[in-house]
Amino acid sequence: MRDLGRISEHQLGILNVLWALGEATAREVHEALEPATGHARKTTGTLLHRLEKQGVITHREEGREFIYRPCVTREEVQEATVRGVFGQLFHGELPALVSYALSAGEVEPGDLERIRALIDEHQRGRSA
């Protein structure tokens, strides 16, 4: 069973490596992440094990090495993460999320027009 709601920042780093490479050994994952994280190779192995236990990645054996690959897409993880934050922080209330986003000062030029276009597109799709 996949548990996408509890993926840590470090586990997401591992998934980013696997999505980029398609599949990789623990050594390859560690080498890709070590400069940024400073983690020991054993830590990377522990994180890989936890991801596999969550059903997020799987492995095959090649000789004495495990070759890991993702079982989920980036989009699936993004959706689960956003759903979790949306539910926990905004109690599933879209106006609260939009209000926060607008008041946080992160609105870039053109953002409001793109949002209006998305709302218009959504409304046209509902009336079709």
C-alpha atoms as a PDB file:
ATOM      1  CA  MET A   1       0.000   0.000   0.000  1.00  0.00           C
ATOM      2  CA  ARG A   2       1.378   3.367  -0.975  1.00  0.00           C
ATOM      3  CA  ASP A   3       1.695   5.980   1.702  1.00  0.00           C
ATOM      4  CA  LEU A   4       2.354   9.231  -0.101  1.00  0.00           C
ATOM      5  CA  GLY A   5       1.306  11.437   2.772  1.00  0.00           C
ATOM      6  CA  ARG A   6       4.456  10.937   4.843  1.00  0.00           C
ATOM      7  CA  ILE A   7       7.313  11.572   2.445  1.00  0.00           C
ATOM      8  CA  SER A   8      10.074  13.615   4.050  1.00  0.00           C
ATOM      9  CA  GLU A   9      12.213  16.194   2.304  1.00  0.00           C
ATOM     10  CA  HIS A  10      15.128  13.734   2.224  1.00  0.00           C
ATOM     11  CA  GLN A  11      12.953  10.962   0.817  1.00  0.00           C
ATOM     12  CA  LEU A  12      11.731  13.381  -1.835  1.00  0.00           C
ATOM     13  CA  GLY A  13      15.371  13.999  -2.753  1.00  0.00           C
ATOM     14  CA  ILE A  14      15.788  10.264  -3.310  1.00  0.00           C
ATOM     15  CA  LEU A  15      12.654  10.151  -5.435  1.00  0.00           C
ATOM     16  CA  ASN A  16      13.946  13.069  -7.521  1.00  0.00           C
ATOM     17  CA  VAL A  17      17.114  11.076  -8.256  1.00  0.00           C
ATOM     18  CA  LEU A  18      15.115   7.976  -9.171  1.00  0.00           C
ATOM     19  CA  TRP A  19      12.712   9.949 -11.376  1.00  0.00           C
ATOM     20  CA  ALA A  20      15.664  11.526 -13.164  1.00  0.00           C
ATOM     21  CA  LEU A  21      17.602   8.267 -13.645  1.00  0.00           C
ATOM     22  CA  GLY A  22      14.703   5.820 -13.950  1.00  0.00           C
ATOM     23  CA  GLU A  23      16.467   3.403 -11.616  1.00  0.00           C
ATOM     24  CA  ALA A  24      19.629   3.427  -9.512  1.00  0.00           C
ATOM     25  CA  THR A  25      21.618   1.551  -6.897  1.00  0.00           C
ATOM     26  CA  ALA A  26      21.870   2.806  -3.328  1.00  0.00           C
ATOM     27  CA  ARG A  27      25.432   3.907  -4.132  1.00  0.00           C
ATOM     28  CA  GLU A  28      24.291   5.944  -7.136  1.00  0.00           C
ATOM     29  CA  VAL A  29      21.517   7.589  -5.123  1.00  0.00           C
ATOM     30  CA  HIS A  30      23.949   8.359  -2.309  1.00  0.00           C
ATOM     31  CA  GLU A  31      26.542   9.827  -4.673  1.00  0.00           C
ATOM     32  CA  ALA A  32      23.903  12.059  -6.258  1.00  0.00           C
ATOM     33  CA  LEU A  33      22.661  13.382  -2.899  1.00  0.00           C
ATOM     34  CA  GLU A  34      25.729  13.362  -0.625  1.00  0.00           C
ATOM     35  CA  PRO A  35      27.141  16.742  -1.709  1.00  0.00           C
ATOM     36  CA  ALA A  36      23.863  18.468  -0.795  1.00  0.00           C
ATOM     37  CA  THR A  37      22.860  16.416   2.272  1.00  0.00           C
ATOM     38  CA  GLY A  38      26.119  15.203   3.772  1.00  0.00           C
ATOM     39  CA  HIS A  39      24.331  11.968   4.703  1.00  0.00           C
ATOM     40  CA  ALA A  40      26.252   8.783   5.294  1.00  0.00           C
ATOM     41  CA  ARG A  41      25.596   5.964   2.838  1.00  0.00           C
ATOM     42  CA  LYS A  42      23.829   4.024   5.604  1.00  0.00           C
ATOM     43  CA  THR A  43      21.343   6.901   6.008  1.00  0.00           C
ATOM     44  CA  THR A  44      20.541   6.755   2.301  1.00  0.00           C
ATOM     45  CA  GLY A  45      19.996   3.005   2.635  1.00  0.00           C
ATOM     46  CA  THR A  46      17.638   3.529   5.574  1.00  0.00           C
ATOM     47  CA  LEU A  47      15.636   6.098   3.616  1.00  0.00           C
ATOM     48  CA  LEU A  48      15.436   3.762   0.616  1.00  0.00           C
ATOM     49  CA  HIS A  49      14.187   0.983   2.895  1.00  0.00           C
ATOM     50  CA  ARG A  50      11.504   3.253   4.372  1.00  0.00           C
ATOM     51  CA  LEU A  51      10.351   4.347   0.917  1.00  0.00           C
ATOM     52  CA  GLU A  52      10.097   0.720  -0.146  1.00  0.00           C
ATOM     53  CA  LYS A  53       8.153  -0.148   3.018  1.00  0.00           C
ATOM     54  CA  GLN A  54       5.739   2.711   2.177  1.00  0.00           C
ATOM     55  CA  GLY A  55       5.233   1.203  -1.297  1.00  0.00           C
ATOM     56  CA  VAL A  56       6.714   4.234  -3.019  1.00  0.00           C
ATOM     57  CA  ILE A  57       9.714   2.458  -4.569  1.00  0.00           C
ATOM     58  CA  THR A  58      10.632  -1.127  -5.359  1.00  0.00           C
ATOM     59  CA  HIS A  59      13.832  -2.948  -6.216  1.00  0.00           C
ATOM     60  CA  ARG A  60      15.200  -5.772  -8.267  1.00  0.00           C
ATOM     61  CA  GLU A  61      18.397  -7.650  -7.553  1.00  0.00           C
ATOM     62  CA  GLU A  62      21.346  -7.586  -9.899  1.00  0.00           C
ATOM     63  CA  GLY A  63      24.141  -9.686  -8.493  1.00  0.00           C
ATOM     64  CA  ARG A  64      24.643  -8.467  -4.949  1.00  0.00           C
ATOM     65  CA  GLU A  65      23.123  -5.032  -5.537  1.00  0.00           C
ATOM     66  CA  PHE A  66      19.586  -3.763  -5.336  1.00  0.00           C
ATOM     67  CA  ILE A  67      18.461  -1.582  -8.202  1.00  0.00           C
ATOM     68  CA  TYR A  68      15.717   0.790  -7.037  1.00  0.00           C
ATOM     69  CA  ARG A  69      12.980   2.366  -9.127  1.00  0.00           C
ATOM     70  CA  PRO A  70       9.972   4.520  -8.268  1.00  0.00           C
ATOM     71  CA  CYS A  71       6.468   3.054  -8.147  1.00  0.00           C
ATOM     72  CA  VAL A  72       4.835   6.481  -8.189  1.00  0.00           C
ATOM     73  CA  THR A  73       5.017   9.500 -10.434  1.00  0.00           C
ATOM     74  CA  ARG A  74       6.099  12.976  -9.453  1.00  0.00           C
ATOM     75  CA  GLU A  75       2.517  14.101 -10.090  1.00  0.00           C
ATOM     76  CA  GLU A  76       1.088  11.528  -7.661  1.00  0.00           C
ATOM     77  CA  VAL A  77       3.422  12.726  -4.912  1.00  0.00           C
ATOM     78  CA  GLN A  78       2.680  16.384  -5.659  1.00  0.00           C
ATOM     79  CA  GLU A  79      -1.054  15.745  -5.492  1.00  0.00           C
ATOM     80  CA  ALA A  80      -0.854  13.835  -2.214  1.00  0.00           C
ATOM     81  CA  THR A  81       1.411  16.468  -0.663  1.00  0.00           C
ATOM     82  CA  VAL A  82      -0.797  19.369  -1.708  1.00  0.00           C
ATOM     83  CA  ARG A  83      -3.915  17.523  -0.520  1.00  0.00           C
ATOM     84  CA  GLY A  84      -2.303  16.917   2.848  1.00  0.00           C
ATOM     85  CA  VAL A  85      -1.227  20.528   3.320  1.00  0.00           C
ATOM     86  CA  PHE A  86      -4.539  21.817   1.979  1.00  0.00           C
ATOM     87  CA  GLY A  87      -6.485  19.644   4.394  1.00  0.00           C
ATOM     88  CA  GLN A  88      -4.289  20.231   7.439  1.00  0.00           C
ATOM     89  CA  LEU A  89      -3.625  23.949   7.113  1.00  0.00           C
ATOM     90  CA  PHE A  90      -6.749  25.196   5.348  1.00  0.00           C
ATOM     91  CA  HIS A  91      -9.289  22.538   6.415  1.00  0.00           C
ATOM     92  CA  GLY A  92     -10.081  21.902   2.745  1.00  0.00           C
ATOM     93  CA  GLU A  93     -11.334  25.458   2.252  1.00  0.00           C
ATOM     94  CA  LEU A  94     -10.187  26.758  -1.126  1.00  0.00           C
ATOM     95  CA  PRO A  95     -11.016  30.421  -0.354  1.00  0.00           C
ATOM     96  CA  ALA A  96      -8.751  30.235   2.712  1.00  0.00           C
ATOM     97  CA  LEU A  97      -5.899  28.885   0.588  1.00  0.00           C
ATOM     98  CA  VAL A  98      -6.374  31.555  -2.085  1.00  0.00           C
ATOM     99  CA  SER A  99      -6.621  34.298   0.551  1.00  0.00           C
ATOM    100  CA  TYR A 100      -3.380  33.123   2.122  1.00  0.00           C
ATOM    101  CA  ALA A 101      -1.597  32.911  -1.218  1.00  0.00           C
ATOM    102  CA  LEU A 102      -2.681  36.425  -2.186  1.00  0.00           C
ATOM    103  CA  SER A 103      -1.828  37.990   1.185  1.00  0.00           C
ATOM    104  CA  ALA A 104       1.566  36.266   1.465  1.00  0.00           C
ATOM    105  CA  GLY A 105       3.025  38.718  -1.031  1.00  0.00           C
ATOM    106  CA  GLU A 106       4.165  36.026  -3.442  1.00  0.00           C
ATOM    107  CA  VAL A 107       1.989  37.240  -6.319  1.00  0.00           C
ATOM    108  CA  GLU A 108       4.075  37.786  -9.440  1.00  0.00           C
ATOM    109  CA  PRO A 109       3.109  39.890 -12.455  1.00  0.00           C
ATOM    110  CA  GLY A 110       0.638  37.932 -14.556  1.00  0.00           C
ATOM    111  CA  ASP A 111      -0.368  35.530 -11.758  1.00  0.00           C
ATOM    112  CA  LEU A 112      -3.833  37.016 -11.265  1.00  0.00           C
ATOM    113  CA  GLU A 113      -4.555  36.903 -14.987  1.00  0.00           C
ATOM    114  CA  ARG A 114      -3.509  33.244 -15.121  1.00  0.00           C
ATOM    115  CA  ILE A 115      -5.694  32.477 -12.106  1.00  0.00           C
ATOM    116  CA  ARG A 116      -8.668  34.232 -13.698  1.00  0.00           C
ATOM    117  CA  ALA A 117      -8.087  32.261 -16.900  1.00  0.00           C
ATOM    118  CA  LEU A 118      -8.034  28.988 -14.911  1.00  0.00           C
ATOM    119  CA  ILE A 119     -11.287  29.909 -13.165  1.00  0.00           C
ATOM    120  CA  ASP A 120     -12.901  30.826 -16.507  1.00  0.00           C
ATOM    121  CA  GLU A 121     -11.716  27.547 -18.048  1.00  0.00           C
ATOM    122  CA  HIS A 122     -13.045  25.588 -15.071  1.00  0.00           C
ATOM    123  CA  GLN A 123     -16.444  27.317 -15.289  1.00  0.00           C
ATOM    124  CA  ARG A 124     -16.681  26.686 -19.045  1.00  0.00           C
ATOM    125  CA  GLY A 125     -15.903  23.006 -18.451  1.00  0.00           C
ATOM    126  CA  ARG A 126     -18.644  22.710 -15.849  1.00  0.00           C
ATOM    127  CA  SER A 127     -21.282  24.271 -18.091  1.00  0.00           C
ATOM    128  CA  ALA A 128     -20.392  22.113 -21.096  1.00  0.00           C
END
